[in-house]
Amino acid sequence: EERLRVFLQAWRDKQPKLVAWAEENIPEGFAVFDLPEAYRRKLRTSNACETLNSRIKRRTRVVGLFPSEESLERLVTAVLVEISEAWESGKSYLKPEN
């Protein structure tokens, strides 16, 4: 946060749009440091998102053409619920601290 403050001071006059963007967006990126270090190591990759997307794609590819947007939403929701239940009952990827 100190480095961000120094950066913002240095560039405030020369690049006001950049500074405005940085003030608004960069602190969100630092939110990851509020998590325990063990979580950060697991979250540094997008493997979980890629796996989730591939499982949805695999299930929707079987249907091919959906009759309506609602039918697509129902299938994707069902797949996500199924995956969520499996994650909750299976091994914990991120274990809550006691």
C-alpha atoms as a PDB file:
ATOM      1  CA  GLU A   1       0.000   0.000   0.000  1.00  0.00           C
ATOM      2  CA  GLU A   2       2.905   2.297   0.704  1.00  0.00           C
ATOM      3  CA  ARG A   3       4.345   1.625  -2.755  1.00  0.00           C
ATOM      4  CA  LEU A   4       0.973   2.367  -4.316  1.00  0.00           C
ATOM      5  CA  ARG A   5       0.778   5.669  -2.447  1.00  0.00           C
ATOM      6  CA  VAL A   6       4.262   6.645  -3.663  1.00  0.00           C
ATOM      7  CA  PHE A   7       3.366   5.656  -7.227  1.00  0.00           C
ATOM      8  CA  LEU A   8       0.171   7.704  -7.122  1.00  0.00           C
ATOM      9  CA  GLN A   9       2.025  10.751  -5.775  1.00  0.00           C
ATOM     10  CA  ALA A  10       4.688  10.513  -8.467  1.00  0.00           C
ATOM     11  CA  TRP A  11       2.248  10.264 -11.371  1.00  0.00           C
ATOM     12  CA  ARG A  12      -0.710  12.350 -10.161  1.00  0.00           C
ATOM     13  CA  ASP A  13       0.247  15.467 -12.172  1.00  0.00           C
ATOM     14  CA  LYS A  14       1.596  13.713 -15.282  1.00  0.00           C
ATOM     15  CA  GLN A  15      -1.036  10.988 -15.724  1.00  0.00           C
ATOM     16  CA  PRO A  16      -4.242  11.900 -13.852  1.00  0.00           C
ATOM     17  CA  LYS A  17      -6.365   9.308 -15.703  1.00  0.00           C
ATOM     18  CA  LEU A  18      -3.922   6.538 -14.845  1.00  0.00           C
ATOM     19  CA  VAL A  19      -3.857   7.628 -11.203  1.00  0.00           C
ATOM     20  CA  ALA A  20      -7.669   7.732 -11.041  1.00  0.00           C
ATOM     21  CA  TRP A  21      -7.842   4.232 -12.502  1.00  0.00           C
ATOM     22  CA  ALA A  22      -5.134   2.935 -10.144  1.00  0.00           C
ATOM     23  CA  GLU A  23      -6.816   4.406  -7.071  1.00  0.00           C
ATOM     24  CA  GLU A  24     -10.058   2.690  -7.986  1.00  0.00           C
ATOM     25  CA  ASN A  25      -8.823  -0.703  -9.181  1.00  0.00           C
ATOM     26  CA  ILE A  26      -5.479  -1.648  -7.667  1.00  0.00           C
ATOM     27  CA  PRO A  27      -6.662  -1.933  -4.025  1.00  0.00           C
ATOM     28  CA  GLU A  28      -9.077  -4.680  -5.152  1.00  0.00           C
ATOM     29  CA  GLY A  29      -6.084  -6.675  -6.339  1.00  0.00           C
ATOM     30  CA  PHE A  30      -4.510  -6.428  -2.899  1.00  0.00           C
ATOM     31  CA  ALA A  31      -7.566  -8.105  -1.329  1.00  0.00           C
ATOM     32  CA  VAL A  32      -5.939 -11.467  -2.007  1.00  0.00           C
ATOM     33  CA  PHE A  33      -3.331 -10.649   0.658  1.00  0.00           C
ATOM     34  CA  ASP A  34      -6.080 -10.721   3.307  1.00  0.00           C
ATOM     35  CA  LEU A  35      -6.320 -14.486   2.758  1.00  0.00           C
ATOM     36  CA  PRO A  36      -4.011 -16.997   4.471  1.00  0.00           C
ATOM     37  CA  GLU A  37      -0.854 -17.757   2.493  1.00  0.00           C
ATOM     38  CA  ALA A  38      -1.896 -21.373   1.870  1.00  0.00           C
ATOM     39  CA  TYR A  39      -5.036 -20.149   0.080  1.00  0.00           C
ATOM     40  CA  ARG A  40      -3.086 -17.664  -2.018  1.00  0.00           C
ATOM     41  CA  ARG A  41      -0.862 -20.416  -3.376  1.00  0.00           C
ATOM     42  CA  LYS A  42      -3.881 -22.397  -4.558  1.00  0.00           C
ATOM     43  CA  LEU A  43      -5.665 -19.365  -5.978  1.00  0.00           C
ATOM     44  CA  ARG A  44      -2.733 -18.097  -8.034  1.00  0.00           C
ATOM     45  CA  THR A  45      -3.774 -20.246 -10.992  1.00  0.00           C
ATOM     46  CA  SER A  46      -7.032 -20.422 -12.871  1.00  0.00           C
ATOM     47  CA  ASN A  47      -7.170 -24.231 -12.773  1.00  0.00           C
ATOM     48  CA  ALA A  48     -10.434 -24.300 -10.809  1.00  0.00           C
ATOM     49  CA  CYS A  49     -12.134 -21.971 -13.303  1.00  0.00           C
ATOM     50  CA  GLU A  50     -10.789 -23.898 -16.269  1.00  0.00           C
ATOM     51  CA  THR A  51     -12.007 -27.181 -14.807  1.00  0.00           C
ATOM     52  CA  LEU A  52     -15.416 -25.705 -14.104  1.00  0.00           C
ATOM     53  CA  ASN A  53     -15.718 -24.331 -17.637  1.00  0.00           C
ATOM     54  CA  SER A  54     -14.628 -27.611 -19.220  1.00  0.00           C
ATOM     55  CA  ARG A  55     -17.205 -29.584 -17.217  1.00  0.00           C
ATOM     56  CA  ILE A  56     -19.974 -27.200 -18.271  1.00  0.00           C
ATOM     57  CA  LYS A  57     -18.816 -27.365 -21.889  1.00  0.00           C
ATOM     58  CA  ARG A  58     -18.730 -31.172 -21.796  1.00  0.00           C
ATOM     59  CA  ARG A  59     -22.330 -31.351 -20.549  1.00  0.00           C
ATOM     60  CA  THR A  60     -23.708 -28.705 -22.918  1.00  0.00           C
ATOM     61  CA  ARG A  61     -21.948 -30.170 -25.967  1.00  0.00           C
ATOM     62  CA  VAL A  62     -24.020 -33.354 -25.600  1.00  0.00           C
ATOM     63  CA  VAL A  63     -27.239 -31.383 -26.092  1.00  0.00           C
ATOM     64  CA  GLY A  64     -25.883 -29.413 -29.013  1.00  0.00           C
ATOM     65  CA  LEU A  65     -28.666 -26.954 -29.789  1.00  0.00           C
ATOM     66  CA  PHE A  66     -30.842 -25.670 -26.960  1.00  0.00           C
ATOM     67  CA  PRO A  67     -34.489 -24.826 -27.671  1.00  0.00           C
ATOM     68  CA  SER A  68     -34.292 -21.688 -25.527  1.00  0.00           C
ATOM     69  CA  GLU A  69     -31.949 -19.666 -23.360  1.00  0.00           C
ATOM     70  CA  GLU A  70     -33.882 -20.820 -20.279  1.00  0.00           C
ATOM     71  CA  SER A  71     -33.159 -24.478 -21.052  1.00  0.00           C
ATOM     72  CA  LEU A  72     -29.445 -23.686 -21.288  1.00  0.00           C
ATOM     73  CA  GLU A  73     -29.614 -21.856 -17.949  1.00  0.00           C
ATOM     74  CA  ARG A  74     -31.396 -24.812 -16.311  1.00  0.00           C
ATOM     75  CA  LEU A  75     -28.748 -27.277 -17.496  1.00  0.00           C
ATOM     76  CA  VAL A  76     -25.812 -25.070 -16.496  1.00  0.00           C
ATOM     77  CA  THR A  77     -27.415 -24.399 -13.096  1.00  0.00           C
ATOM     78  CA  ALA A  78     -27.919 -28.125 -12.548  1.00  0.00           C
ATOM     79  CA  VAL A  79     -24.283 -28.806 -13.477  1.00  0.00           C
ATOM     80  CA  LEU A  80     -23.061 -26.075 -11.115  1.00  0.00           C
ATOM     81  CA  VAL A  81     -25.218 -27.391  -8.251  1.00  0.00           C
ATOM     82  CA  GLU A  82     -23.877 -30.896  -8.864  1.00  0.00           C
ATOM     83  CA  ILE A  83     -20.275 -29.653  -8.853  1.00  0.00           C
ATOM     84  CA  SER A  84     -20.883 -27.549  -5.745  1.00  0.00           C
ATOM     85  CA  GLU A  85     -22.342 -30.498  -3.848  1.00  0.00           C
ATOM     86  CA  ALA A  86     -19.391 -32.663  -4.863  1.00  0.00           C
ATOM     87  CA  TRP A  87     -16.936 -30.001  -3.674  1.00  0.00           C
ATOM     88  CA  GLU A  88     -18.771 -29.523  -0.376  1.00  0.00           C
ATOM     89  CA  SER A  89     -18.927 -33.225   0.422  1.00  0.00           C
ATOM     90  CA  GLY A  90     -15.514 -34.170  -0.959  1.00  0.00           C
ATOM     91  CA  LYS A  91     -12.016 -33.146  -0.029  1.00  0.00           C
ATOM     92  CA  SER A  92     -11.755 -29.506   0.887  1.00  0.00           C
ATOM     93  CA  TYR A  93      -9.776 -27.477  -1.590  1.00  0.00           C
ATOM     94  CA  LEU A  94      -9.582 -24.583   0.847  1.00  0.00           C
ATOM     95  CA  LYS A  95     -10.128 -25.613   4.440  1.00  0.00           C
ATOM     96  CA  PRO A  96     -11.761 -23.016   6.690  1.00  0.00           C
ATOM     97  CA  GLU A  97      -9.676 -22.030   9.664  1.00  0.00           C
ATOM     98  CA  ASN A  98     -11.021 -22.902  13.095  1.00  0.00           C
END
